[in-house]
Every structure is written in C-alpha cells, then in structure tokens.
C-alpha cells in the first residue's frame, strides 16, 4: 500500500514539473442582461506568449445553448462562423467534448496578419448573445503555432458560458443527493422486507 502512495506522489510531482503549453485561451469578461430575455456575453481570447495565431488559426466555443442567430462578433482580423458541428483542432479532441449537432458552435478564425509571436501574450475580443443565463460552462478548443518552431499547438478546456454543462459544484451536489436517495431507498426496502 505504501508503494502505491509513493508511486502516486512521484507521478504527481512529474506532472507538475512538465511545462504547460497553451495556445488560445478564452475568458468570460462580463455578462449583461437579460434585456428582453437575452444575455450578452463578452470574452477575451488570449494568445499565449510562446504562440502565434497565423491566418487559419482558430478558437471554438462548443454547443452554445440559446444562441441568438447572427449575434456573434469579433475584433477585426477574425471571421465568425456558427456551424452545428466542427471546429476541433487536429489530434485528440478536448477531454469531455461531445459536439452536439443540435447546438451551434462559435468558431473564430484568424484571417488577418499574425497575432502574437513577440514573446508577450496578446488579447483579442469577441461577444455573442444567448437566451440562456450564465449558469454553466462551455467547452473550447483552439489552435495556434509554437514559437520559434511553428508546430501547430492545440488546446482545450472549459470556460463559463450559457451551456448545458453544469458547474462542478452542481454535479457534486446532484451526486450527493442521488447517493442519499439511493441510501434511503435501500433502508425503506429493508424495512418493508422485515
């Protein structure tokens, strides 16, 4: 048993020592509304200091619940598309992403000159509207290129937004309530069997 604990500690230490890489990371800045039942979501996308976003590089937010058609906008040098499927960088998809074919994705594709590449993180901004309140998280996926070798670097994760992915605390709460319910059911079955 001690050997397993020691092995687990060593693996955790190794994971912590591996340098983390990121390419394009979205952050929810503000949410306003609802105005007429519509919320406005304002985001900042950050291109990491060790990355450059060439033409064709992108950031995708998946499965936007309640998306208001035509409301997505981005800084100059980006095109915005809202297909029902797509926007996953080559390689393994971000953990947990299941692209729902009934909810639109927001894909921001770089069409302007290179963004980043100077050894300093660079920001861009985008926004969209949704009829859904900011009660969850959406998955994201991005692709930029590393500096100086120019290898494509994909990344992914979750960011706050109008999604059907519940907050981790909600998931834990639902799990606890479910376990309590199963426990009560077992107790009642045992009592009724006696």
N, C-alpha and C. Protein backbone atom coordinates (compact mmCIF):
# COMPACT_ATOMS: atom_id res chain seq x y z
N UNK A 1 0.82 -1.19 0.00
CA UNK A 1 0.00 0.00 0.00
C UNK A 1 0.87 1.26 0.00
N UNK A 2 1.97 1.25 0.77
CA UNK A 2 2.85 2.41 0.83
C UNK A 2 3.52 2.65 -0.52
N UNK A 3 3.82 1.58 -1.22
CA UNK A 3 4.45 1.68 -2.52
C UNK A 3 3.53 2.40 -3.52
N UNK A 4 2.23 2.11 -3.45
CA UNK A 4 1.26 2.78 -4.33
C UNK A 4 1.21 4.27 -4.02
N UNK A 5 1.22 4.63 -2.75
CA UNK A 5 1.18 6.04 -2.36
C UNK A 5 2.43 6.76 -2.84
N UNK A 6 3.60 6.11 -2.68
CA UNK A 6 4.85 6.70 -3.12
C UNK A 6 4.84 6.88 -4.64
N UNK A 7 4.38 5.87 -5.36
CA UNK A 7 4.31 5.95 -6.82
C UNK A 7 3.37 7.08 -7.25
N UNK A 8 2.22 7.19 -6.60
CA UNK A 8 1.26 8.25 -6.92
C UNK A 8 1.86 9.62 -6.68
N UNK A 9 2.58 9.80 -5.59
CA UNK A 9 3.22 11.08 -5.28
C UNK A 9 4.28 11.43 -6.31
N UNK A 10 5.05 10.42 -6.74
CA UNK A 10 6.07 10.67 -7.75
C UNK A 10 5.44 11.08 -9.08
N UNK A 11 4.36 10.45 -9.47
CA UNK A 11 3.68 10.78 -10.73
C UNK A 11 3.12 12.21 -10.68
N UNK A 12 2.54 12.58 -9.53
CA UNK A 12 2.02 13.93 -9.37
C UNK A 12 3.14 14.96 -9.49
N UNK A 13 4.29 14.67 -8.88
CA UNK A 13 5.43 15.58 -8.96
C UNK A 13 5.90 15.73 -10.40
N UNK A 14 5.95 14.63 -11.15
CA UNK A 14 6.37 14.68 -12.55
C UNK A 14 5.41 15.51 -13.39
N UNK A 15 4.12 15.34 -13.16
CA UNK A 15 3.12 16.11 -13.91
C UNK A 15 3.28 17.59 -13.63
N UNK A 16 3.56 17.94 -12.38
CA UNK A 16 3.72 19.35 -12.02
C UNK A 16 4.99 19.95 -12.63
N UNK A 17 6.01 19.13 -12.91
CA UNK A 17 7.26 19.63 -13.48
C UNK A 17 7.19 19.83 -14.98
N UNK A 18 6.25 19.19 -15.66
CA UNK A 18 6.14 19.33 -17.11
C UNK A 18 5.64 20.73 -17.43
N UNK A 19 6.36 21.47 -18.28
CA UNK A 19 5.91 22.81 -18.59
C UNK A 19 4.57 22.78 -19.31
N UNK A 20 3.69 23.67 -18.89
CA UNK A 20 2.38 23.69 -19.52
C UNK A 20 2.45 24.56 -20.77
N UNK A 21 1.73 24.14 -21.80
CA UNK A 21 1.65 24.92 -23.02
C UNK A 21 0.18 25.22 -23.27
N UNK A 22 -0.05 26.36 -23.80
CA UNK A 22 -1.40 26.75 -24.17
C UNK A 22 -1.30 27.52 -25.47
N UNK A 23 -2.37 27.58 -26.18
CA UNK A 23 -2.31 28.37 -27.40
C UNK A 23 -3.31 29.50 -27.35
N UNK A 24 -4.59 29.21 -27.36
CA UNK A 24 -5.60 30.26 -27.37
C UNK A 24 -6.58 29.97 -26.23
N UNK A 25 -6.68 30.88 -25.29
CA UNK A 25 -7.50 30.67 -24.09
C UNK A 25 -8.58 31.75 -24.00
N UNK A 26 -9.87 31.38 -23.97
CA UNK A 26 -10.93 32.38 -23.78
C UNK A 26 -11.21 32.60 -22.30
N UNK A 27 -11.62 33.80 -21.96
CA UNK A 27 -12.02 34.16 -20.60
C UNK A 27 -13.29 34.99 -20.69
N UNK A 28 -14.31 34.63 -19.92
CA UNK A 28 -15.54 35.44 -19.89
C UNK A 28 -15.26 36.69 -19.08
N UNK A 29 -15.39 37.86 -19.71
CA UNK A 29 -15.15 39.13 -19.04
C UNK A 29 -16.41 39.61 -18.31
N UNK A 30 -17.49 39.74 -19.06
CA UNK A 30 -18.74 40.25 -18.48
C UNK A 30 -19.93 39.57 -19.14
N UNK A 31 -21.01 39.54 -18.38
CA UNK A 31 -22.30 39.11 -18.91
C UNK A 31 -23.28 40.20 -18.53
N UNK A 32 -24.06 40.66 -19.48
CA UNK A 32 -25.09 41.65 -19.16
C UNK A 32 -26.44 41.10 -19.56
N UNK A 33 -27.46 41.62 -18.89
CA UNK A 33 -28.81 41.19 -19.20
C UNK A 33 -29.44 40.46 -18.04
N UNK A 34 -30.58 39.93 -18.25
CA UNK A 34 -31.24 39.83 -19.55
C UNK A 34 -31.97 41.12 -19.92
N UNK A 35 -31.89 41.45 -21.18
CA UNK A 35 -32.65 42.55 -21.76
C UNK A 35 -33.56 41.91 -22.79
N UNK A 36 -34.85 41.92 -22.53
CA UNK A 36 -35.79 41.25 -23.42
C UNK A 36 -35.55 39.75 -23.48
N UNK A 37 -35.04 39.18 -22.38
CA UNK A 37 -34.78 37.75 -22.31
C UNK A 37 -33.47 37.32 -22.95
N UNK A 38 -32.60 38.30 -23.30
CA UNK A 38 -31.34 37.99 -23.97
C UNK A 38 -30.17 38.48 -23.13
N UNK A 39 -29.16 37.61 -22.97
CA UNK A 39 -27.92 37.95 -22.27
C UNK A 39 -26.84 38.21 -23.31
N UNK A 40 -25.93 39.15 -23.01
CA UNK A 40 -24.77 39.42 -23.86
C UNK A 40 -23.53 38.93 -23.13
N UNK A 41 -22.75 38.11 -23.80
CA UNK A 41 -21.53 37.52 -23.26
C UNK A 41 -20.32 38.18 -23.94
N UNK A 42 -19.43 38.76 -23.16
CA UNK A 42 -18.23 39.41 -23.68
C UNK A 42 -16.99 38.66 -23.20
N UNK A 43 -16.16 38.23 -24.16
CA UNK A 43 -14.99 37.40 -23.88
C UNK A 43 -13.70 38.07 -24.34
N UNK A 44 -12.62 37.67 -23.71
CA UNK A 44 -11.28 37.98 -24.19
C UNK A 44 -10.62 36.66 -24.55
N UNK A 45 -10.02 36.61 -25.73
CA UNK A 45 -9.21 35.47 -26.13
C UNK A 45 -7.76 35.87 -25.98
N UNK A 46 -6.94 35.01 -25.40
CA UNK A 46 -5.52 35.32 -25.20
C UNK A 46 -4.66 34.32 -25.96
N UNK A 47 -3.78 34.85 -26.80
CA UNK A 47 -2.79 34.03 -27.48
C UNK A 47 -1.56 34.03 -26.57
N UNK A 48 -1.15 32.84 -26.13
CA UNK A 48 -0.04 32.71 -25.19
C UNK A 48 1.24 33.35 -25.73
N UNK A 49 2.12 33.73 -24.81
CA UNK A 49 3.36 34.42 -25.18
C UNK A 49 4.27 33.56 -26.08
N UNK A 50 4.15 32.23 -25.96
CA UNK A 50 5.01 31.35 -26.76
C UNK A 50 4.30 30.85 -28.01
N UNK A 51 3.25 31.55 -28.43
CA UNK A 51 2.44 31.13 -29.58
C UNK A 51 2.25 32.29 -30.55
N UNK A 52 1.83 31.95 -31.76
CA UNK A 52 1.43 32.95 -32.74
C UNK A 52 0.18 32.40 -33.43
N UNK A 53 -0.79 33.27 -33.65
CA UNK A 53 -2.02 32.88 -34.33
C UNK A 53 -1.91 33.35 -35.78
N UNK A 54 -1.57 32.41 -36.68
CA UNK A 54 -1.47 32.70 -38.11
C UNK A 54 -2.87 32.71 -38.71
N UNK A 55 -2.98 33.17 -39.94
CA UNK A 55 -4.23 33.06 -40.68
C UNK A 55 -4.62 31.58 -40.72
N UNK A 56 -5.82 31.27 -40.36
CA UNK A 56 -6.30 29.89 -40.29
C UNK A 56 -6.32 29.34 -38.87
N UNK A 57 -5.56 29.95 -37.94
CA UNK A 57 -5.64 29.55 -36.54
C UNK A 57 -7.02 29.91 -36.01
N UNK A 58 -7.47 29.22 -34.97
CA UNK A 58 -8.86 29.45 -34.56
C UNK A 58 -9.09 29.19 -33.07
N UNK A 59 -10.26 29.62 -32.64
CA UNK A 59 -10.79 29.33 -31.31
C UNK A 59 -12.25 28.95 -31.49
N UNK A 60 -12.66 27.84 -30.88
CA UNK A 60 -14.04 27.37 -30.98
C UNK A 60 -14.66 27.27 -29.60
N UNK A 61 -15.87 27.79 -29.44
CA UNK A 61 -16.70 27.54 -28.27
C UNK A 61 -17.81 26.61 -28.74
N UNK A 62 -17.99 25.49 -28.01
CA UNK A 62 -18.92 24.45 -28.45
C UNK A 62 -20.29 24.56 -27.80
N UNK A 63 -21.31 24.22 -28.59
CA UNK A 63 -22.67 23.98 -28.10
C UNK A 63 -23.21 25.13 -27.26
N UNK A 64 -23.45 26.25 -27.92
CA UNK A 64 -23.94 27.46 -27.25
C UNK A 64 -25.46 27.38 -27.11
N UNK A 65 -25.89 27.08 -25.91
CA UNK A 65 -27.32 26.98 -25.62
C UNK A 65 -27.98 28.35 -25.78
N UNK A 66 -29.09 28.41 -26.49
CA UNK A 66 -29.87 29.65 -26.64
C UNK A 66 -29.22 30.70 -27.51
N UNK A 67 -28.26 30.32 -28.35
CA UNK A 67 -27.55 31.29 -29.18
C UNK A 67 -28.53 32.09 -30.04
N UNK A 68 -28.35 33.42 -30.05
CA UNK A 68 -29.16 34.31 -30.87
C UNK A 68 -28.46 34.43 -32.23
N UNK A 69 -29.12 33.92 -33.26
CA UNK A 69 -28.52 33.87 -34.60
C UNK A 69 -28.01 35.24 -35.05
N UNK A 70 -26.79 35.25 -35.58
CA UNK A 70 -26.21 36.47 -36.13
C UNK A 70 -25.62 37.42 -35.10
N UNK A 71 -25.60 37.05 -33.82
CA UNK A 71 -25.15 37.98 -32.78
C UNK A 71 -23.66 37.92 -32.48
N UNK A 72 -22.94 36.91 -32.98
CA UNK A 72 -21.51 36.77 -32.66
C UNK A 72 -20.69 37.78 -33.46
N UNK A 73 -19.82 38.50 -32.75
CA UNK A 73 -18.91 39.46 -33.37
C UNK A 73 -17.51 39.26 -32.78
N UNK A 74 -16.50 39.70 -33.53
CA UNK A 74 -15.11 39.60 -33.07
C UNK A 74 -14.32 40.79 -33.59
N UNK A 75 -13.14 41.00 -32.98
CA UNK A 75 -12.24 42.05 -33.43
C UNK A 75 -11.92 41.87 -34.91
N UNK A 76 -11.45 42.96 -35.53
CA UNK A 76 -11.01 42.91 -36.92
C UNK A 76 -9.92 41.85 -37.07
N UNK A 77 -9.88 41.20 -38.21
CA UNK A 77 -8.89 40.16 -38.47
C UNK A 77 -9.38 38.77 -38.14
N UNK A 78 -10.67 38.64 -37.77
CA UNK A 78 -11.28 37.34 -37.48
C UNK A 78 -12.57 37.21 -38.27
N UNK A 79 -12.87 36.00 -38.73
CA UNK A 79 -14.20 35.70 -39.25
C UNK A 79 -14.91 34.87 -38.19
N UNK A 80 -16.22 34.98 -38.17
CA UNK A 80 -17.04 34.26 -37.20
C UNK A 80 -17.98 33.34 -37.96
N UNK A 81 -18.00 32.07 -37.58
CA UNK A 81 -18.92 31.10 -38.15
C UNK A 81 -19.64 30.41 -37.00
N UNK A 82 -20.87 29.96 -37.25
CA UNK A 82 -21.66 29.31 -36.20
C UNK A 82 -22.27 28.00 -36.70
N UNK A 83 -21.43 27.05 -37.15
CA UNK A 83 -21.97 25.77 -37.63
C UNK A 83 -22.44 24.90 -36.45
N UNK A 84 -23.24 23.92 -36.77
CA UNK A 84 -23.71 22.98 -35.73
C UNK A 84 -22.62 21.99 -35.34
N UNK A 85 -21.70 21.70 -36.25
CA UNK A 85 -20.59 20.77 -35.96
C UNK A 85 -19.30 21.37 -36.47
N UNK A 86 -18.18 21.00 -35.84
CA UNK A 86 -16.88 21.39 -36.35
C UNK A 86 -16.12 22.30 -35.41
N UNK A 87 -14.88 22.60 -35.83
CA UNK A 87 -14.03 23.50 -35.06
C UNK A 87 -13.13 22.79 -34.07
N UNK A 88 -12.89 21.48 -34.30
CA UNK A 88 -12.00 20.74 -33.40
C UNK A 88 -10.63 20.67 -34.07
N UNK A 89 -9.60 21.07 -33.32
CA UNK A 89 -8.23 21.03 -33.84
C UNK A 89 -7.81 19.60 -34.11
N UNK A 90 -6.88 19.39 -35.06
CA UNK A 90 -6.37 18.03 -35.29
C UNK A 90 -5.78 17.46 -34.02
N UNK A 91 -5.85 16.15 -33.91
CA UNK A 91 -5.38 15.49 -32.69
C UNK A 91 -6.57 15.11 -31.84
N UNK A 92 -6.31 14.63 -30.63
CA UNK A 92 -7.42 14.23 -29.78
C UNK A 92 -8.27 15.44 -29.40
N UNK A 93 -9.60 15.31 -29.40
CA UNK A 93 -10.43 16.44 -29.00
C UNK A 93 -10.27 16.73 -27.52
N UNK A 94 -10.60 17.95 -27.09
CA UNK A 94 -10.50 18.28 -25.68
C UNK A 94 -11.30 17.28 -24.85
N UNK A 95 -10.77 16.94 -23.70
CA UNK A 95 -11.42 15.95 -22.85
C UNK A 95 -12.86 16.35 -22.55
N UNK A 96 -13.77 15.44 -22.78
CA UNK A 96 -15.17 15.67 -22.46
C UNK A 96 -15.99 16.28 -23.57
N UNK A 97 -15.37 16.76 -24.67
CA UNK A 97 -16.13 17.40 -25.73
C UNK A 97 -16.92 16.36 -26.50
N UNK A 98 -18.22 16.55 -26.53
CA UNK A 98 -19.11 15.81 -27.39
C UNK A 98 -19.88 16.89 -28.14
N UNK A 99 -19.59 17.07 -29.41
CA UNK A 99 -20.17 18.15 -30.19
C UNK A 99 -21.63 17.82 -30.52
N UNK A 100 -22.55 18.51 -29.85
CA UNK A 100 -23.98 18.29 -30.01
C UNK A 100 -24.43 18.85 -31.36
N UNK A 101 -24.96 18.03 -32.25
CA UNK A 101 -25.34 18.51 -33.58
C UNK A 101 -26.59 19.39 -33.61
N UNK A 102 -27.20 19.63 -32.46
CA UNK A 102 -28.38 20.49 -32.43
C UNK A 102 -28.08 21.88 -31.86
N UNK A 103 -26.86 22.10 -31.36
CA UNK A 103 -26.47 23.40 -30.79
C UNK A 103 -25.31 23.99 -31.58
N UNK A 104 -25.36 25.29 -31.89
CA UNK A 104 -24.30 25.89 -32.70
C UNK A 104 -23.00 26.05 -31.93
N UNK A 105 -21.90 25.92 -32.66
CA UNK A 105 -20.57 26.25 -32.15
C UNK A 105 -20.24 27.64 -32.66
N UNK A 106 -19.40 28.37 -31.94
CA UNK A 106 -18.90 29.65 -32.42
C UNK A 106 -17.43 29.45 -32.74
N UNK A 107 -17.07 29.63 -34.01
CA UNK A 107 -15.69 29.44 -34.45
C UNK A 107 -15.13 30.79 -34.91
N UNK A 108 -14.07 31.25 -34.24
CA UNK A 108 -13.38 32.48 -34.60
C UNK A 108 -12.11 32.07 -35.33
N UNK A 109 -12.01 32.40 -36.60
CA UNK A 109 -10.85 32.02 -37.41
C UNK A 109 -10.06 33.28 -37.76
N UNK A 110 -8.75 33.21 -37.53
CA UNK A 110 -7.88 34.35 -37.84
C UNK A 110 -7.74 34.47 -39.36
N UNK A 111 -8.05 35.67 -39.88
CA UNK A 111 -7.90 35.95 -41.31
C UNK A 111 -6.93 37.08 -41.55
N UNK A 112 -6.59 37.81 -40.49
CA UNK A 112 -5.67 38.94 -40.63
C UNK A 112 -4.23 38.50 -40.50
N UNK A 113 -3.36 39.48 -40.27
CA UNK A 113 -1.93 39.20 -40.09
C UNK A 113 -1.71 38.43 -38.80
N UNK A 114 -0.49 37.93 -38.62
CA UNK A 114 -0.16 37.15 -37.42
C UNK A 114 -0.50 37.93 -36.16
N UNK A 115 -1.07 37.22 -35.19
CA UNK A 115 -1.39 37.80 -33.89
C UNK A 115 -0.51 37.11 -32.86
N UNK A 116 0.33 37.87 -32.18
CA UNK A 116 1.27 37.30 -31.21
C UNK A 116 2.61 37.08 -31.87
N UNK A 117 3.44 36.30 -31.20
CA UNK A 117 4.75 35.99 -31.74
C UNK A 117 5.87 36.86 -31.22
N UNK A 118 5.54 37.82 -30.38
CA UNK A 118 6.57 38.72 -29.86
C UNK A 118 7.03 38.37 -28.46
N UNK A 119 6.68 37.19 -27.96
CA UNK A 119 7.09 36.80 -26.61
C UNK A 119 6.22 37.38 -25.51
N UNK A 120 5.11 38.01 -25.91
CA UNK A 120 4.16 38.60 -24.94
C UNK A 120 2.76 38.10 -25.31
N UNK A 121 1.98 37.75 -24.30
CA UNK A 121 0.60 37.32 -24.57
C UNK A 121 -0.17 38.47 -25.22
N UNK A 122 -1.02 38.13 -26.19
CA UNK A 122 -1.79 39.12 -26.93
C UNK A 122 -3.27 38.76 -26.82
N UNK A 123 -4.11 39.77 -26.61
CA UNK A 123 -5.55 39.57 -26.44
C UNK A 123 -6.34 40.00 -27.67
N UNK A 124 -7.49 39.38 -27.85
CA UNK A 124 -8.50 39.82 -28.81
C UNK A 124 -9.85 39.66 -28.13
N UNK A 125 -10.89 40.26 -28.68
CA UNK A 125 -12.19 40.27 -28.01
C UNK A 125 -13.29 39.76 -28.95
N UNK A 126 -14.28 39.14 -28.34
CA UNK A 126 -15.45 38.70 -29.10
C UNK A 126 -16.65 38.65 -28.17
N UNK A 127 -17.83 38.62 -28.76
CA UNK A 127 -19.06 38.58 -27.96
C UNK A 127 -20.16 37.88 -28.75
N UNK A 128 -21.19 37.49 -28.03
CA UNK A 128 -22.38 36.92 -28.65
C UNK A 128 -23.53 37.06 -27.67
N UNK A 129 -24.73 36.77 -28.15
CA UNK A 129 -25.92 36.82 -27.31
C UNK A 129 -26.57 35.45 -27.22
N UNK A 130 -27.24 35.23 -26.07
CA UNK A 130 -27.91 33.96 -25.83
C UNK A 130 -29.12 34.22 -24.95
N UNK A 131 -30.12 33.37 -25.12
CA UNK A 131 -31.30 33.47 -24.25
C UNK A 131 -31.08 32.68 -22.96
N UNK A 132 -29.96 31.97 -22.86
CA UNK A 132 -29.66 31.17 -21.67
C UNK A 132 -28.82 31.97 -20.68
N UNK A 133 -29.13 31.82 -19.40
CA UNK A 133 -28.39 32.51 -18.34
C UNK A 133 -27.00 31.90 -18.17
N UNK A 134 -26.07 32.68 -17.62
CA UNK A 134 -24.70 32.19 -17.42
C UNK A 134 -24.61 31.24 -16.23
N UNK A 135 -25.09 30.04 -16.40
CA UNK A 135 -25.17 29.09 -15.28
C UNK A 135 -24.27 27.88 -15.43
N UNK A 136 -23.45 27.86 -16.46
CA UNK A 136 -22.63 26.67 -16.66
C UNK A 136 -21.33 27.00 -17.34
N UNK A 137 -20.81 26.03 -18.05
CA UNK A 137 -19.55 26.17 -18.78
C UNK A 137 -19.73 25.64 -20.18
N UNK A 138 -18.91 26.15 -21.09
CA UNK A 138 -18.86 25.61 -22.44
C UNK A 138 -17.45 25.09 -22.68
N UNK A 139 -17.34 24.07 -23.50
CA UNK A 139 -16.02 23.57 -23.89
C UNK A 139 -15.46 24.48 -24.96
N UNK A 140 -14.13 24.61 -24.96
CA UNK A 140 -13.47 25.36 -26.03
C UNK A 140 -12.29 24.55 -26.56
N UNK A 141 -11.86 24.92 -27.77
CA UNK A 141 -10.73 24.29 -28.42
C UNK A 141 -10.07 25.36 -29.28
N UNK A 142 -8.76 25.42 -29.25
CA UNK A 142 -8.05 26.42 -30.04
C UNK A 142 -6.83 25.83 -30.71
N UNK A 143 -6.34 26.53 -31.71
CA UNK A 143 -5.10 26.10 -32.37
C UNK A 143 -4.30 27.31 -32.80
N UNK A 144 -3.04 27.34 -32.36
CA UNK A 144 -2.08 28.36 -32.78
C UNK A 144 -0.79 27.62 -33.13
N UNK A 145 0.31 28.35 -33.32
CA UNK A 145 1.59 27.73 -33.63
C UNK A 145 2.62 28.13 -32.59
N UNK A 146 3.48 27.17 -32.23
CA UNK A 146 4.52 27.46 -31.25
C UNK A 146 5.61 28.31 -31.89
N UNK A 147 6.33 29.02 -31.04
CA UNK A 147 7.45 29.85 -31.49
C UNK A 147 8.72 29.23 -30.91
N UNK A 148 9.80 29.10 -31.59
CA UNK A 148 10.05 29.52 -32.98
C UNK A 148 9.84 28.41 -34.00
N UNK A 149 9.51 27.19 -33.55
CA UNK A 149 9.50 26.06 -34.49
C UNK A 149 8.24 25.96 -35.35
N UNK A 150 7.21 26.73 -35.02
CA UNK A 150 5.98 26.82 -35.82
C UNK A 150 5.15 25.54 -35.85
N UNK A 151 5.31 24.67 -34.86
CA UNK A 151 4.46 23.48 -34.79
C UNK A 151 3.05 23.89 -34.35
N UNK A 152 2.01 23.35 -34.98
CA UNK A 152 0.64 23.64 -34.51
C UNK A 152 0.48 23.14 -33.07
N UNK A 153 -0.15 23.95 -32.25
CA UNK A 153 -0.38 23.61 -30.85
C UNK A 153 -1.88 23.73 -30.58
N UNK A 154 -2.52 22.62 -30.25
CA UNK A 154 -3.95 22.63 -29.94
C UNK A 154 -4.14 22.61 -28.43
N UNK A 155 -5.19 23.22 -27.97
CA UNK A 155 -5.52 23.21 -26.55
C UNK A 155 -7.02 23.21 -26.40
N UNK A 156 -7.49 22.92 -25.22
CA UNK A 156 -8.92 22.92 -24.95
C UNK A 156 -9.19 22.95 -23.48
N UNK A 157 -10.45 23.14 -23.14
CA UNK A 157 -10.86 23.19 -21.75
C UNK A 157 -12.30 23.66 -21.65
N UNK A 158 -12.61 24.29 -20.53
CA UNK A 158 -13.95 24.84 -20.31
C UNK A 158 -13.84 26.29 -19.87
N UNK A 159 -14.86 27.07 -20.21
CA UNK A 159 -14.95 28.46 -19.81
C UNK A 159 -16.42 28.74 -19.48
N UNK A 160 -16.66 29.68 -18.56
CA UNK A 160 -18.05 29.99 -18.18
C UNK A 160 -18.84 30.47 -19.38
N UNK A 161 -20.11 30.08 -19.41
CA UNK A 161 -20.97 30.49 -20.51
C UNK A 161 -22.36 29.93 -20.37
N UNK A 162 -23.18 30.11 -21.40
CA UNK A 162 -24.58 29.67 -21.37
C UNK A 162 -24.73 28.23 -21.83
N UNK A 163 -24.27 27.31 -21.05
CA UNK A 163 -24.20 25.95 -21.56
C UNK A 163 -24.98 24.97 -20.72
N UNK A 164 -25.09 23.80 -21.31
CA UNK A 164 -25.76 22.72 -20.61
C UNK A 164 -24.79 21.90 -19.76
N UNK A 165 -23.49 22.26 -19.75
CA UNK A 165 -22.52 21.58 -18.90
C UNK A 165 -22.63 22.21 -17.51
N UNK A 166 -23.10 21.48 -16.50
CA UNK A 166 -23.27 22.09 -15.19
C UNK A 166 -21.94 22.38 -14.52
N UNK A 167 -21.97 23.35 -13.62
CA UNK A 167 -20.81 23.66 -12.80
C UNK A 167 -20.41 22.43 -12.01
N UNK A 168 -19.12 22.25 -11.71
CA UNK A 168 -18.70 21.09 -10.92
C UNK A 168 -19.41 20.99 -9.57
N UNK A 169 -19.68 22.13 -8.93
CA UNK A 169 -20.35 22.08 -7.63
C UNK A 169 -21.78 21.55 -7.76
N UNK A 170 -22.43 21.88 -8.88
CA UNK A 170 -23.78 21.36 -9.13
C UNK A 170 -23.72 19.86 -9.33
N UNK A 171 -22.72 19.40 -10.08
CA UNK A 171 -22.56 17.97 -10.33
C UNK A 171 -22.33 17.22 -9.03
N UNK A 172 -21.48 17.77 -8.17
CA UNK A 172 -21.22 17.14 -6.86
C UNK A 172 -22.50 17.11 -6.04
N UNK A 173 -23.23 18.23 -6.02
CA UNK A 173 -24.47 18.29 -5.25
C UNK A 173 -25.47 17.25 -5.75
N UNK A 174 -25.61 17.14 -7.07
CA UNK A 174 -26.53 16.15 -7.62
C UNK A 174 -26.09 14.73 -7.27
N UNK A 175 -24.78 14.50 -7.27
CA UNK A 175 -24.26 13.19 -6.90
C UNK A 175 -24.56 12.85 -5.44
N UNK A 176 -24.38 13.82 -4.55
CA UNK A 176 -24.66 13.61 -3.13
C UNK A 176 -26.14 13.34 -2.92
N UNK A 177 -26.99 14.14 -3.56
CA UNK A 177 -28.44 13.94 -3.43
C UNK A 177 -28.83 12.56 -3.96
N UNK A 178 -28.22 12.17 -5.09
CA UNK A 178 -28.50 10.85 -5.65
C UNK A 178 -28.10 9.72 -4.72
N UNK A 179 -26.92 9.85 -4.10
CA UNK A 179 -26.47 8.83 -3.14
C UNK A 179 -27.37 8.77 -1.92
N UNK A 180 -27.79 9.94 -1.43
CA UNK A 180 -28.72 9.96 -0.30
C UNK A 180 -30.04 9.28 -0.67
N UNK A 181 -30.51 9.56 -1.88
CA UNK A 181 -31.75 8.94 -2.34
C UNK A 181 -31.63 7.43 -2.43
N UNK A 182 -30.49 6.96 -2.95
CA UNK A 182 -30.28 5.51 -3.04
C UNK A 182 -30.19 4.89 -1.65
N UNK A 183 -29.56 5.60 -0.72
CA UNK A 183 -29.45 5.09 0.65
C UNK A 183 -30.82 4.98 1.32
N UNK A 184 -31.64 6.02 1.15
CA UNK A 184 -32.99 6.00 1.72
C UNK A 184 -33.82 4.88 1.10
N UNK A 185 -33.68 4.69 -0.20
CA UNK A 185 -34.42 3.63 -0.88
C UNK A 185 -34.04 2.26 -0.32
N UNK A 186 -32.75 2.05 -0.10
CA UNK A 186 -32.28 0.78 0.45
C UNK A 186 -32.84 0.56 1.85
N UNK A 187 -32.82 1.61 2.66
CA UNK A 187 -33.35 1.49 4.04
C UNK A 187 -34.84 1.15 4.01
N UNK A 188 -35.60 1.85 3.16
CA UNK A 188 -37.04 1.58 3.10
C UNK A 188 -37.32 0.16 2.59
N UNK A 189 -36.52 -0.31 1.63
CA UNK A 189 -36.71 -1.68 1.13
C UNK A 189 -36.44 -2.70 2.23
N UNK A 190 -35.39 -2.47 3.00
CA UNK A 190 -35.05 -3.40 4.08
C UNK A 190 -36.16 -3.42 5.14
N UNK A 191 -36.69 -2.26 5.47
CA UNK A 191 -37.75 -2.19 6.49
C UNK A 191 -39.02 -2.86 6.00
N UNK A 192 -39.33 -2.67 4.71
CA UNK A 192 -40.57 -3.27 4.19
C UNK A 192 -40.43 -4.78 4.04
N UNK A 193 -39.20 -5.27 3.91
CA UNK A 193 -38.97 -6.71 3.76
C UNK A 193 -39.09 -7.43 5.11
N UNK A 194 -38.94 -6.69 6.21
CA UNK A 194 -38.97 -7.32 7.53
C UNK A 194 -40.35 -7.64 7.96
